[in-house]
């Protein structure tokens, strides 16, 4: 969290120093990223998110699919991870998973994929959840190189629970792992 009088802080979603705004919640001040809206807090150690059951990843880059898969499994962030090359493959699989009642803990969607992109895949996912009368929506992490702007913030609001992460802002796999862990923890809170 930024110090008193400071108006900038590091945002793990955006991967950079950002302007912040402060809200009051339960009598406590909480800083938020002015770009993506993520609640920012000072972390003395890496956040410990509970291990997720099943994570679905749609990402057109084979290298990033493998990196995310390895990171989630090796760091014990997820028990099972399934990856898809595009939004069409993801939608087909998640439809079957939902019909069978398989619990899905998190979905990570690349925004810029050929064919069915991540935003369209998220919209279809939310429509499926509504059609199948799912009581709880699956959290979505949008994983993209696109900077978060007003239009994207509106998409995050429409797809709640959802979060944004700029995937091009990490210099090392270790830093990417730390940022993903922070964003997932905050998304699932």
Protein backbone atom coordinates (compact mmCIF):
# COMPACT_ATOMS: atom_id res chain seq x y z
CA UNK A 1 0.00 0.00 0.00
CA UNK A 2 1.35 3.46 -0.74
CA UNK A 3 2.46 5.63 2.15
CA UNK A 4 0.44 8.65 3.25
CA UNK A 5 0.68 11.32 0.60
CA UNK A 6 1.97 8.87 -2.02
CA UNK A 7 -0.17 8.46 -5.11
CA UNK A 8 1.73 5.62 -6.79
CA UNK A 9 2.30 1.95 -5.98
CA UNK A 10 3.27 -1.28 -7.73
CA UNK A 11 0.31 -3.17 -9.19
CA UNK A 12 0.91 -6.91 -9.68
CA UNK A 13 -1.83 -7.05 -12.34
CA UNK A 14 -0.42 -4.25 -14.47
CA UNK A 15 3.17 -5.14 -13.61
CA UNK A 16 4.23 -1.55 -13.08
CA UNK A 17 4.06 1.50 -10.85
CA UNK A 18 0.59 3.03 -11.19
CA UNK A 19 -1.48 5.89 -9.88
CA UNK A 20 -3.72 4.79 -7.02
CA UNK A 21 -7.06 5.81 -5.61
CA UNK A 22 -8.22 5.10 -2.07
CA UNK A 23 -11.58 3.75 -0.92
CA UNK A 24 -13.03 3.34 2.54
CA UNK A 25 -14.28 -0.11 3.43
CA UNK A 26 -15.35 -1.01 6.96
CA UNK A 27 -13.63 2.11 8.26
CA UNK A 28 -10.29 1.13 6.69
CA UNK A 29 -8.60 2.78 3.76
CA UNK A 30 -7.71 0.55 0.82
CA UNK A 31 -5.61 1.60 -2.17
CA UNK A 32 -6.60 0.46 -5.66
CA UNK A 33 -4.84 0.55 -9.03
CA UNK A 34 -6.26 3.41 -11.09
CA UNK A 35 -5.83 1.35 -14.28
CA UNK A 36 -7.30 -2.07 -13.46
CA UNK A 37 -8.93 -1.44 -10.07
CA UNK A 38 -7.09 -4.23 -8.20
CA UNK A 39 -6.94 -3.68 -4.44
CA UNK A 40 -3.31 -3.14 -3.51
CA UNK A 41 -1.82 -4.10 -0.20
CA UNK A 42 1.67 -4.27 1.20
CA UNK A 43 2.98 -7.80 1.18
CA UNK A 44 5.78 -8.83 3.51
CA UNK A 45 5.92 -12.32 1.97
CA UNK A 46 4.43 -13.95 -1.12
CA UNK A 47 0.70 -14.52 -0.67
CA UNK A 48 -0.38 -18.07 0.05
CA UNK A 49 -3.46 -18.85 -1.98
CA UNK A 50 -5.18 -22.12 -1.20
CA UNK A 51 -4.54 -24.84 -3.74
CA UNK A 52 -7.13 -24.75 -6.49
CA UNK A 53 -8.78 -27.94 -7.74
CA UNK A 54 -8.97 -27.33 -11.49
CA UNK A 55 -7.64 -24.46 -13.59
CA UNK A 56 -8.41 -24.07 -17.30
CA UNK A 57 -6.03 -22.03 -19.47
CA UNK A 58 -6.75 -20.78 -23.01
CA UNK A 59 -3.58 -19.29 -24.51
CA UNK A 60 -2.44 -19.41 -28.14
CA UNK A 61 1.28 -19.34 -27.28
CA UNK A 62 2.55 -22.88 -26.59
CA UNK A 63 5.42 -21.45 -24.52
CA UNK A 64 3.11 -19.44 -22.27
CA UNK A 65 0.67 -22.36 -21.94
CA UNK A 66 3.55 -24.56 -20.76
CA UNK A 67 4.95 -21.83 -18.48
CA UNK A 68 1.58 -21.26 -16.79
CA UNK A 69 0.94 -25.00 -16.49
CA UNK A 70 4.35 -25.65 -14.92
CA UNK A 71 4.07 -22.65 -12.60
CA UNK A 72 0.64 -23.65 -11.28
CA UNK A 73 1.58 -27.31 -10.75
CA UNK A 74 5.16 -26.86 -9.44
CA UNK A 75 4.12 -24.13 -6.97
CA UNK A 76 1.15 -26.25 -5.84
CA UNK A 77 -1.29 -23.51 -6.81
CA UNK A 78 -3.51 -26.06 -8.62
CA UNK A 79 -4.09 -29.82 -8.47
CA UNK A 80 -5.13 -30.08 -12.13
CA UNK A 81 -4.47 -27.75 -15.04
CA UNK A 82 -5.91 -28.18 -18.53
CA UNK A 83 -4.66 -26.05 -21.41
CA UNK A 84 -6.24 -25.07 -24.72
CA UNK A 85 -4.79 -23.46 -27.86
CA UNK A 86 -7.71 -21.11 -28.42
CA UNK A 87 -11.08 -19.94 -27.19
CA UNK A 88 -13.04 -22.40 -29.33
CA UNK A 89 -11.23 -25.39 -27.82
CA UNK A 90 -11.70 -23.89 -24.34
CA UNK A 91 -15.46 -23.30 -24.79
CA UNK A 92 -15.98 -26.84 -26.05
CA UNK A 93 -14.18 -28.30 -23.03
CA UNK A 94 -15.64 -26.01 -20.36
CA UNK A 95 -19.14 -26.75 -21.68
CA UNK A 96 -18.58 -30.48 -21.14
CA UNK A 97 -16.96 -29.89 -17.71
CA UNK A 98 -19.93 -27.79 -16.59
CA UNK A 99 -22.53 -30.27 -17.89
CA UNK A 100 -20.75 -33.04 -15.94
CA UNK A 101 -20.67 -30.87 -12.82
CA UNK A 102 -16.87 -30.80 -12.65
CA UNK A 103 -15.75 -28.01 -10.30
CA UNK A 104 -13.57 -25.44 -12.06
CA UNK A 105 -11.71 -23.15 -9.66
CA UNK A 106 -10.25 -20.63 -12.12
CA UNK A 107 -10.08 -19.81 -15.82
CA UNK A 108 -7.10 -17.98 -17.35
CA UNK A 109 -7.89 -16.48 -20.75
CA UNK A 110 -5.51 -14.84 -23.20
CA UNK A 111 -7.38 -11.85 -24.59
CA UNK A 112 -5.84 -11.91 -28.09
CA UNK A 113 -6.36 -15.37 -29.55
CA UNK A 114 -7.31 -16.19 -33.13
CA UNK A 115 -10.90 -17.20 -33.76
CA UNK A 116 -12.69 -16.97 -30.41
CA UNK A 117 -10.71 -14.44 -28.36
CA UNK A 118 -10.61 -14.32 -24.56
CA UNK A 119 -13.27 -11.66 -24.21
CA UNK A 120 -15.73 -13.61 -26.37
CA UNK A 121 -14.82 -16.81 -24.50
CA UNK A 122 -15.57 -15.06 -21.19
CA UNK A 123 -18.94 -13.84 -22.46
CA UNK A 124 -19.82 -17.34 -23.66
CA UNK A 125 -18.71 -18.79 -20.30
CA UNK A 126 -20.97 -16.40 -18.39
CA UNK A 127 -23.89 -17.23 -20.73
CA UNK A 128 -23.28 -20.96 -20.16
CA UNK A 129 -23.22 -20.47 -16.39
CA UNK A 130 -26.53 -18.64 -16.57
CA UNK A 131 -28.11 -21.21 -18.90
CA UNK A 132 -26.98 -24.10 -16.69
CA UNK A 133 -28.08 -22.15 -13.58
CA UNK A 134 -24.69 -22.39 -11.91
CA UNK A 135 -24.96 -20.87 -8.41
CA UNK A 136 -21.36 -19.64 -8.39
CA UNK A 137 -19.48 -18.01 -11.26
CA UNK A 138 -16.00 -19.24 -12.15
CA UNK A 139 -13.34 -16.55 -11.52
CA UNK A 140 -11.63 -15.37 -14.72
CA UNK A 141 -8.10 -14.02 -15.01
CA UNK A 142 -7.63 -12.14 -18.30
CA UNK A 143 -3.97 -12.62 -19.31
CA UNK A 144 -2.93 -10.10 -21.96
CA UNK A 145 -0.34 -7.71 -23.34
CA UNK A 146 -3.06 -5.07 -23.73
CA UNK A 147 -2.96 -2.22 -21.21
CA UNK A 148 -6.05 -1.95 -19.04
CA UNK A 149 -8.20 0.96 -20.18
CA UNK A 150 -11.77 2.15 -19.49
CA UNK A 151 -13.27 -0.29 -22.01
CA UNK A 152 -11.39 -3.21 -20.47
CA UNK A 153 -12.41 -2.16 -16.94
CA UNK A 154 -16.04 -2.32 -18.10
CA UNK A 155 -15.40 -5.86 -19.38
CA UNK A 156 -13.93 -6.81 -15.99
CA UNK A 157 -17.05 -5.44 -14.31
CA UNK A 158 -19.35 -7.40 -16.65
CA UNK A 159 -17.42 -10.64 -16.11
CA UNK A 160 -17.11 -10.51 -12.31
CA UNK A 161 -15.45 -12.19 -10.59
CA UNK A 162 -12.56 -11.33 -12.87
CA UNK A 163 -9.11 -9.77 -12.84
CA UNK A 164 -6.61 -8.46 -15.34
CA UNK A 165 -2.93 -9.28 -15.69
CA UNK A 166 -0.46 -7.76 -18.10
CA UNK A 167 1.66 -10.75 -19.11
CA UNK A 168 4.41 -8.73 -20.79
CA UNK A 169 5.48 -6.90 -17.63
CA UNK A 170 7.52 -9.66 -15.96
CA UNK A 171 11.24 -9.90 -16.58
CA UNK A 172 11.68 -13.44 -15.20
CA UNK A 173 9.57 -16.58 -14.75
CA UNK A 174 9.99 -16.17 -10.98
CA UNK A 175 8.58 -12.63 -11.10
CA UNK A 176 5.70 -13.83 -13.29
CA UNK A 177 4.97 -16.60 -10.75
CA UNK A 178 4.91 -14.11 -7.88
CA UNK A 179 2.60 -11.75 -9.76
CA UNK A 180 0.22 -14.54 -10.84
CA UNK A 181 0.09 -15.80 -7.23
CA UNK A 182 -0.74 -12.29 -5.94
CA UNK A 183 -3.43 -11.65 -8.55
CA UNK A 184 -5.07 -15.07 -8.09
CA UNK A 185 -5.12 -14.64 -4.31
CA UNK A 186 -6.81 -11.24 -4.61
CA UNK A 187 -9.24 -12.45 -7.27
CA UNK A 188 -10.38 -15.34 -5.08
CA UNK A 189 -10.76 -13.23 -1.89
